[in-house]
Amino acid sequence: MILERQELTAILILVLVILILGVASVVLDGSRGSFAGAYCETLPDKTLVCHTGVIDSITDTKTGGHQILNVSGITVFLPGTVAEKTWFSKGDTIELTGEMATYQGKREIMISDSDIITIV
């Protein structure tokens, strides 16, 4: 069975696409953190940021099962669905990725998924 020129071209394109996707998955490591910038208080809400620091405190909210972390002076909000999956404690060094948010005039990082918090 001899392939036509168009079939060979199609196979070559498919191989190139597979190679590009493979390289991209290794480089980006499948994480949102690859697209996040460093935390800066002046960034607008919904900007994706990353932050690494030591957990100074963990406070449970009065309602909703949420948690408020203080990570090296930065406030981090964990909604109840994320807080129930937490595995870290005060004094741990963590790396996280989340969106900038403003709550009652104060800046914070809002976490949407527990998979984007890692202990360093």
C-alpha atoms as a PDB file:
ATOM      1  CA  MET A   1       0.000   0.000   0.000  1.00  0.00           C
ATOM      2  CA  ILE A   2       1.546   3.240  -1.174  1.00  0.00           C
ATOM      3  CA  LEU A   3       0.347   6.481   0.374  1.00  0.00           C
ATOM      4  CA  GLU A   4      -0.511   9.463  -1.762  1.00  0.00           C
ATOM      5  CA  ARG A   5       1.223  12.809  -1.289  1.00  0.00           C
ATOM      6  CA  GLN A   6      -1.812  14.344   0.504  1.00  0.00           C
ATOM      7  CA  GLU A   7      -1.971  11.393   2.913  1.00  0.00           C
ATOM      8  CA  LEU A   8       1.722  11.726   3.750  1.00  0.00           C
ATOM      9  CA  THR A   9       1.238  15.450   4.341  1.00  0.00           C
ATOM     10  CA  ALA A  10      -1.721  14.762   6.655  1.00  0.00           C
ATOM     11  CA  ILE A  11       0.315  12.205   8.639  1.00  0.00           C
ATOM     12  CA  LEU A  12       3.224  14.637   8.936  1.00  0.00           C
ATOM     13  CA  ILE A  13       0.905  17.381  10.219  1.00  0.00           C
ATOM     14  CA  LEU A  14      -0.619  15.004  12.793  1.00  0.00           C
ATOM     15  CA  VAL A  15       2.834  13.974  14.032  1.00  0.00           C
ATOM     16  CA  LEU A  16       3.879  17.628  14.357  1.00  0.00           C
ATOM     17  CA  VAL A  17       0.715  18.512  16.296  1.00  0.00           C
ATOM     18  CA  ILE A  18       1.290  15.593  18.681  1.00  0.00           C
ATOM     19  CA  LEU A  19       4.892  16.699  19.232  1.00  0.00           C
ATOM     20  CA  ILE A  20       3.861  20.301  19.875  1.00  0.00           C
ATOM     21  CA  LEU A  21       1.183  19.230  22.377  1.00  0.00           C
ATOM     22  CA  GLY A  22       3.676  16.959  24.130  1.00  0.00           C
ATOM     23  CA  VAL A  23       6.232  19.732  24.481  1.00  0.00           C
ATOM     24  CA  ALA A  24       3.569  22.204  25.658  1.00  0.00           C
ATOM     25  CA  SER A  25       2.322  19.815  28.338  1.00  0.00           C
ATOM     26  CA  VAL A  26       5.855  19.359  29.674  1.00  0.00           C
ATOM     27  CA  VAL A  27       6.707  23.071  29.583  1.00  0.00           C
ATOM     28  CA  LEU A  28       3.415  24.249  31.076  1.00  0.00           C
ATOM     29  CA  ASP A  29       3.151  21.289  33.459  1.00  0.00           C
ATOM     30  CA  GLY A  30      -0.635  21.442  33.128  1.00  0.00           C
ATOM     31  CA  SER A  31      -0.930  24.115  35.794  1.00  0.00           C
ATOM     32  CA  ARG A  32      -2.532  27.516  35.836  1.00  0.00           C
ATOM     33  CA  GLY A  33       0.513  28.828  37.681  1.00  0.00           C
ATOM     34  CA  SER A  34       2.369  28.963  34.386  1.00  0.00           C
ATOM     35  CA  PHE A  35       0.119  31.869  33.372  1.00  0.00           C
ATOM     36  CA  ALA A  36       0.102  33.675  36.727  1.00  0.00           C
ATOM     37  CA  GLY A  37       2.157  36.695  37.644  1.00  0.00           C
ATOM     38  CA  ALA A  38       3.647  37.509  41.027  1.00  0.00           C
ATOM     39  CA  TYR A  39       1.309  38.938  43.669  1.00  0.00           C
ATOM     40  CA  CYS A  40       1.053  42.708  43.678  1.00  0.00           C
ATOM     41  CA  GLU A  41      -1.604  44.526  45.668  1.00  0.00           C
ATOM     42  CA  THR A  42      -2.259  47.014  42.868  1.00  0.00           C
ATOM     43  CA  LEU A  43      -3.281  44.384  40.305  1.00  0.00           C
ATOM     44  CA  PRO A  44      -6.949  44.500  39.248  1.00  0.00           C
ATOM     45  CA  ASP A  45      -9.496  41.959  40.498  1.00  0.00           C
ATOM     46  CA  LYS A  46      -9.590  38.608  38.668  1.00  0.00           C
ATOM     47  CA  THR A  47      -5.895  38.843  37.726  1.00  0.00           C
ATOM     48  CA  LEU A  48      -4.263  35.421  38.111  1.00  0.00           C
ATOM     49  CA  VAL A  49      -1.394  35.578  40.616  1.00  0.00           C
ATOM     50  CA  CYS A  50       0.932  33.191  42.389  1.00  0.00           C
ATOM     51  CA  HIS A  51       2.360  33.549  45.880  1.00  0.00           C
ATOM     52  CA  THR A  52       4.736  31.538  48.038  1.00  0.00           C
ATOM     53  CA  GLY A  53       5.011  32.019  51.767  1.00  0.00           C
ATOM     54  CA  VAL A  54       4.595  30.678  55.281  1.00  0.00           C
ATOM     55  CA  ILE A  55       1.122  30.234  56.758  1.00  0.00           C
ATOM     56  CA  ASP A  56       1.024  32.649  59.700  1.00  0.00           C
ATOM     57  CA  SER A  57      -2.600  31.932  60.639  1.00  0.00           C
ATOM     58  CA  ILE A  58      -5.674  29.932  59.605  1.00  0.00           C
ATOM     59  CA  THR A  59      -9.070  31.327  60.601  1.00  0.00           C
ATOM     60  CA  ASP A  60     -12.420  29.640  60.018  1.00  0.00           C
ATOM     61  CA  THR A  61     -15.267  31.973  59.052  1.00  0.00           C
ATOM     62  CA  LYS A  62     -18.362  32.075  61.252  1.00  0.00           C
ATOM     63  CA  THR A  63     -20.573  30.791  58.436  1.00  0.00           C
ATOM     64  CA  GLY A  64     -20.094  28.916  55.190  1.00  0.00           C
ATOM     65  CA  GLY A  65     -17.150  26.747  56.227  1.00  0.00           C
ATOM     66  CA  HIS A  66     -14.678  29.098  54.545  1.00  0.00           C
ATOM     67  CA  GLN A  67     -11.119  29.740  55.716  1.00  0.00           C
ATOM     68  CA  ILE A  68      -8.968  32.844  55.731  1.00  0.00           C
ATOM     69  CA  LEU A  69      -5.221  32.271  55.601  1.00  0.00           C
ATOM     70  CA  ASN A  70      -2.512  34.785  56.291  1.00  0.00           C
ATOM     71  CA  VAL A  71       0.399  33.694  54.099  1.00  0.00           C
ATOM     72  CA  SER A  72       3.462  35.841  54.796  1.00  0.00           C
ATOM     73  CA  GLY A  73       1.256  38.901  55.293  1.00  0.00           C
ATOM     74  CA  ILE A  74      -1.053  38.246  52.328  1.00  0.00           C
ATOM     75  CA  THR A  75      -4.721  37.384  52.926  1.00  0.00           C
ATOM     76  CA  VAL A  76      -5.872  34.244  51.113  1.00  0.00           C
ATOM     77  CA  PHE A  77      -9.557  33.233  50.947  1.00  0.00           C
ATOM     78  CA  LEU A  78     -10.516  29.554  50.675  1.00  0.00           C
ATOM     79  CA  PRO A  79     -14.204  28.910  49.896  1.00  0.00           C
ATOM     80  CA  GLY A  80     -15.806  26.085  51.874  1.00  0.00           C
ATOM     81  CA  THR A  81     -15.504  23.622  48.989  1.00  0.00           C
ATOM     82  CA  VAL A  82     -11.731  24.161  48.949  1.00  0.00           C
ATOM     83  CA  ALA A  83     -11.291  24.537  52.725  1.00  0.00           C
ATOM     84  CA  GLU A  84     -12.778  21.098  53.376  1.00  0.00           C
ATOM     85  CA  LYS A  85      -9.955  19.552  51.319  1.00  0.00           C
ATOM     86  CA  THR A  86      -7.085  21.348  53.082  1.00  0.00           C
ATOM     87  CA  TRP A  87      -4.150  19.360  54.414  1.00  0.00           C
ATOM     88  CA  PHE A  88      -1.757  22.055  55.589  1.00  0.00           C
ATOM     89  CA  SER A  89      -1.282  23.776  58.938  1.00  0.00           C
ATOM     90  CA  LYS A  90       0.151  26.906  60.491  1.00  0.00           C
ATOM     91  CA  GLY A  91       3.900  27.189  59.833  1.00  0.00           C
ATOM     92  CA  ASP A  92       3.821  25.283  56.518  1.00  0.00           C
ATOM     93  CA  THR A  93       5.383  26.944  53.482  1.00  0.00           C
ATOM     94  CA  ILE A  94       2.950  26.806  50.571  1.00  0.00           C
ATOM     95  CA  GLU A  95       2.809  27.878  46.960  1.00  0.00           C
ATOM     96  CA  LEU A  96      -0.587  28.876  45.600  1.00  0.00           C
ATOM     97  CA  THR A  97      -2.254  30.309  42.537  1.00  0.00           C
ATOM     98  CA  GLY A  98      -5.477  32.306  42.652  1.00  0.00           C
ATOM     99  CA  GLU A  99      -7.298  35.409  41.518  1.00  0.00           C
ATOM    100  CA  MET A 100      -6.918  38.849  42.991  1.00  0.00           C
ATOM    101  CA  ALA A 101     -10.068  40.033  44.755  1.00  0.00           C
ATOM    102  CA  THR A 102     -11.253  42.881  46.944  1.00  0.00           C
ATOM    103  CA  TYR A 103     -13.388  42.118  50.000  1.00  0.00           C
ATOM    104  CA  GLN A 104     -14.606  44.944  52.214  1.00  0.00           C
ATOM    105  CA  GLY A 105     -11.948  47.218  50.717  1.00  0.00           C
ATOM    106  CA  LYS A 106      -9.073  44.825  51.436  1.00  0.00           C
ATOM    107  CA  ARG A 107      -7.015  42.966  48.840  1.00  0.00           C
ATOM    108  CA  GLU A 108      -6.815  39.185  48.923  1.00  0.00           C
ATOM    109  CA  ILE A 109      -6.114  36.137  46.797  1.00  0.00           C
ATOM    110  CA  MET A 110      -9.145  33.950  46.166  1.00  0.00           C
ATOM    111  CA  ILE A 111      -8.458  30.243  45.660  1.00  0.00           C
ATOM    112  CA  SER A 112     -10.849  28.271  43.453  1.00  0.00           C
ATOM    113  CA  ASP A 113      -9.337  24.772  43.648  1.00  0.00           C
ATOM    114  CA  SER A 114      -7.308  22.890  46.255  1.00  0.00           C
ATOM    115  CA  ASP A 115      -5.110  21.410  43.500  1.00  0.00           C
ATOM    116  CA  ILE A 116      -3.388  24.772  43.029  1.00  0.00           C
ATOM    117  CA  ILE A 117      -1.981  24.837  46.565  1.00  0.00           C
ATOM    118  CA  THR A 118       1.203  22.872  47.185  1.00  0.00           C
ATOM    119  CA  ILE A 119       3.414  22.505  50.237  1.00  0.00           C
ATOM    120  CA  VAL A 120       6.955  23.543  49.411  1.00  0.00           C
END
